[in-house]
N, C-alpha and C. Protein backbone atom coordinates (compact mmCIF):
# COMPACT_ATOMS: atom_id res chain seq x y z
N UNK A 1 138.13 57.98 188.34
CA UNK A 1 138.02 56.93 189.33
C UNK A 1 136.64 56.95 189.98
N UNK A 2 136.12 58.15 190.18
CA UNK A 2 134.82 58.29 190.81
C UNK A 2 133.72 57.69 189.95
N UNK A 3 133.83 57.85 188.64
CA UNK A 3 132.83 57.31 187.71
C UNK A 3 132.83 55.78 187.74
N UNK A 4 134.01 55.18 187.82
CA UNK A 4 134.11 53.72 187.88
C UNK A 4 133.49 53.20 189.18
N UNK A 5 133.68 53.91 190.26
CA UNK A 5 133.08 53.52 191.54
C UNK A 5 131.56 53.61 191.48
N UNK A 6 131.05 54.63 190.86
CA UNK A 6 129.60 54.78 190.72
C UNK A 6 129.03 53.65 189.87
N UNK A 7 129.68 53.33 188.77
CA UNK A 7 129.22 52.24 187.91
C UNK A 7 129.26 50.91 188.66
N UNK A 8 130.31 50.67 189.43
CA UNK A 8 130.42 49.43 190.20
C UNK A 8 129.31 49.35 191.25
N UNK A 9 129.02 50.44 191.93
CA UNK A 9 127.95 50.44 192.94
C UNK A 9 126.59 50.18 192.30
N UNK A 10 126.36 50.75 191.14
CA UNK A 10 125.10 50.52 190.44
C UNK A 10 124.98 49.06 190.04
N UNK A 11 126.04 48.47 189.54
CA UNK A 11 126.00 47.06 189.17
C UNK A 11 125.76 46.17 190.38
N UNK A 12 126.41 46.49 191.49
CA UNK A 12 126.26 45.68 192.70
C UNK A 12 124.84 45.74 193.23
N UNK A 13 124.18 46.86 193.11
CA UNK A 13 122.81 46.96 193.61
C UNK A 13 121.77 46.53 192.57
N UNK A 14 122.04 46.76 191.31
CA UNK A 14 121.04 46.50 190.27
C UNK A 14 120.93 45.04 189.91
N UNK A 15 122.03 44.30 189.90
CA UNK A 15 121.98 42.88 189.51
C UNK A 15 121.12 42.06 190.48
N UNK A 16 121.24 42.21 191.80
CA UNK A 16 120.30 41.46 192.66
C UNK A 16 118.84 41.88 192.48
N UNK A 17 118.60 43.15 192.20
CA UNK A 17 117.23 43.60 191.99
C UNK A 17 116.64 42.95 190.75
N UNK A 18 117.39 42.90 189.66
CA UNK A 18 116.84 42.28 188.46
C UNK A 18 116.74 40.77 188.62
N UNK A 19 117.58 40.18 189.45
CA UNK A 19 117.45 38.75 189.73
C UNK A 19 116.16 38.47 190.49
N UNK A 20 115.81 39.32 191.44
CA UNK A 20 114.57 39.14 192.19
C UNK A 20 113.36 39.34 191.28
N UNK A 21 113.39 40.35 190.44
CA UNK A 21 112.29 40.59 189.50
C UNK A 21 112.14 39.40 188.56
N UNK A 22 113.23 38.88 188.08
CA UNK A 22 113.19 37.72 187.18
C UNK A 22 112.65 36.49 187.91
N UNK A 23 113.05 36.31 189.16
CA UNK A 23 112.57 35.18 189.95
C UNK A 23 111.07 35.26 190.18
N UNK A 24 110.56 36.45 190.48
CA UNK A 24 109.12 36.62 190.69
C UNK A 24 108.37 36.34 189.41
N UNK A 25 108.87 36.83 188.29
CA UNK A 25 108.21 36.56 187.01
C UNK A 25 108.24 35.08 186.68
N UNK A 26 109.32 34.41 187.01
CA UNK A 26 109.42 32.97 186.77
C UNK A 26 108.44 32.20 187.66
N UNK A 27 108.22 32.67 188.88
CA UNK A 27 107.27 32.00 189.77
C UNK A 27 105.84 32.07 189.23
N UNK A 28 105.51 33.15 188.55
CA UNK A 28 104.18 33.27 187.97
C UNK A 28 103.95 32.27 186.84
N UNK A 29 105.01 31.81 186.22
CA UNK A 29 104.87 30.88 185.10
C UNK A 29 105.21 29.44 185.48
N UNK A 30 105.13 29.12 186.75
CA UNK A 30 105.55 27.79 187.22
C UNK A 30 104.59 26.69 186.77
N UNK A 31 103.37 27.02 186.48
CA UNK A 31 102.39 26.01 186.06
C UNK A 31 102.68 25.44 184.68
N UNK A 32 103.43 26.15 183.88
CA UNK A 32 103.66 25.74 182.49
C UNK A 32 104.85 24.81 182.33
N UNK A 33 105.55 24.51 183.39
CA UNK A 33 106.66 23.57 183.32
C UNK A 33 107.98 24.18 183.73
N UNK A 34 108.90 23.29 184.07
CA UNK A 34 110.20 23.71 184.57
C UNK A 34 111.04 24.41 183.49
N UNK A 35 110.98 23.90 182.27
CA UNK A 35 111.75 24.51 181.18
C UNK A 35 111.24 25.91 180.87
N UNK A 36 109.95 26.10 180.96
CA UNK A 36 109.36 27.41 180.69
C UNK A 36 109.77 28.41 181.77
N UNK A 37 109.86 27.95 183.01
CA UNK A 37 110.28 28.82 184.11
C UNK A 37 111.71 29.29 183.91
N UNK A 38 112.59 28.37 183.54
CA UNK A 38 113.99 28.74 183.29
C UNK A 38 114.10 29.72 182.13
N UNK A 39 113.30 29.49 181.10
CA UNK A 39 113.32 30.38 179.93
C UNK A 39 112.85 31.78 180.30
N UNK A 40 111.77 31.87 181.08
CA UNK A 40 111.25 33.18 181.50
C UNK A 40 112.26 33.92 182.38
N UNK A 41 112.89 33.19 183.31
CA UNK A 41 113.89 33.82 184.17
C UNK A 41 115.04 34.36 183.33
N UNK A 42 115.56 33.53 182.43
CA UNK A 42 116.70 33.94 181.61
C UNK A 42 116.34 35.13 180.71
N UNK A 43 115.16 35.08 180.07
CA UNK A 43 114.76 36.16 179.18
C UNK A 43 114.60 37.47 179.93
N UNK A 44 113.96 37.42 181.08
CA UNK A 44 113.75 38.64 181.86
C UNK A 44 115.08 39.19 182.38
N UNK A 45 115.93 38.33 182.90
CA UNK A 45 117.22 38.78 183.43
C UNK A 45 118.07 39.41 182.33
N UNK A 46 118.15 38.75 181.18
CA UNK A 46 118.97 39.29 180.10
C UNK A 46 118.42 40.60 179.56
N UNK A 47 117.10 40.70 179.49
CA UNK A 47 116.50 41.95 179.01
C UNK A 47 116.88 43.12 179.92
N UNK A 48 116.72 42.95 181.23
CA UNK A 48 117.08 44.01 182.16
C UNK A 48 118.59 44.27 182.18
N UNK A 49 119.39 43.20 182.09
CA UNK A 49 120.84 43.37 182.15
C UNK A 49 121.36 44.14 180.94
N UNK A 50 120.85 43.81 179.75
CA UNK A 50 121.28 44.54 178.56
C UNK A 50 120.76 45.97 178.57
N UNK A 51 119.64 46.20 179.21
CA UNK A 51 119.14 47.56 179.36
C UNK A 51 120.07 48.37 180.28
N UNK A 52 120.65 47.71 181.27
CA UNK A 52 121.62 48.36 182.14
C UNK A 52 122.88 48.75 181.37
N UNK A 53 123.28 47.92 180.42
CA UNK A 53 124.49 48.18 179.66
C UNK A 53 124.31 49.25 178.57
N UNK A 54 123.08 49.65 178.32
CA UNK A 54 122.81 50.65 177.31
C UNK A 54 123.37 52.01 177.76
N UNK A 55 124.33 52.56 177.05
CA UNK A 55 124.96 53.82 177.52
C UNK A 55 124.02 55.02 177.46
N UNK A 56 122.94 54.97 176.68
CA UNK A 56 122.02 56.09 176.65
C UNK A 56 121.27 56.23 177.98
N UNK A 57 121.12 55.13 178.72
CA UNK A 57 120.46 55.20 180.02
C UNK A 57 121.36 55.84 181.08
N UNK A 58 122.65 55.82 180.87
CA UNK A 58 123.56 56.40 181.85
C UNK A 58 123.48 57.92 181.89
N UNK A 59 123.05 58.51 180.80
CA UNK A 59 123.01 59.97 180.71
C UNK A 59 121.76 60.57 181.33
N UNK A 60 120.75 59.76 181.57
CA UNK A 60 119.49 60.30 182.10
C UNK A 60 119.47 60.40 183.58
């Protein structure tokens, strides 16, 4: 039960952090168009989110 609580707390804190990082990266690419901004946000968010789901990172 303790492990599930730790994983939930990490998800609750990590998802807003990666959303902010993705938003900042998207703001840097705002000159290239609205579609490009959405693409950069989505790519950055998914990259960090899938990195969170990688079980090898949980052991470190």
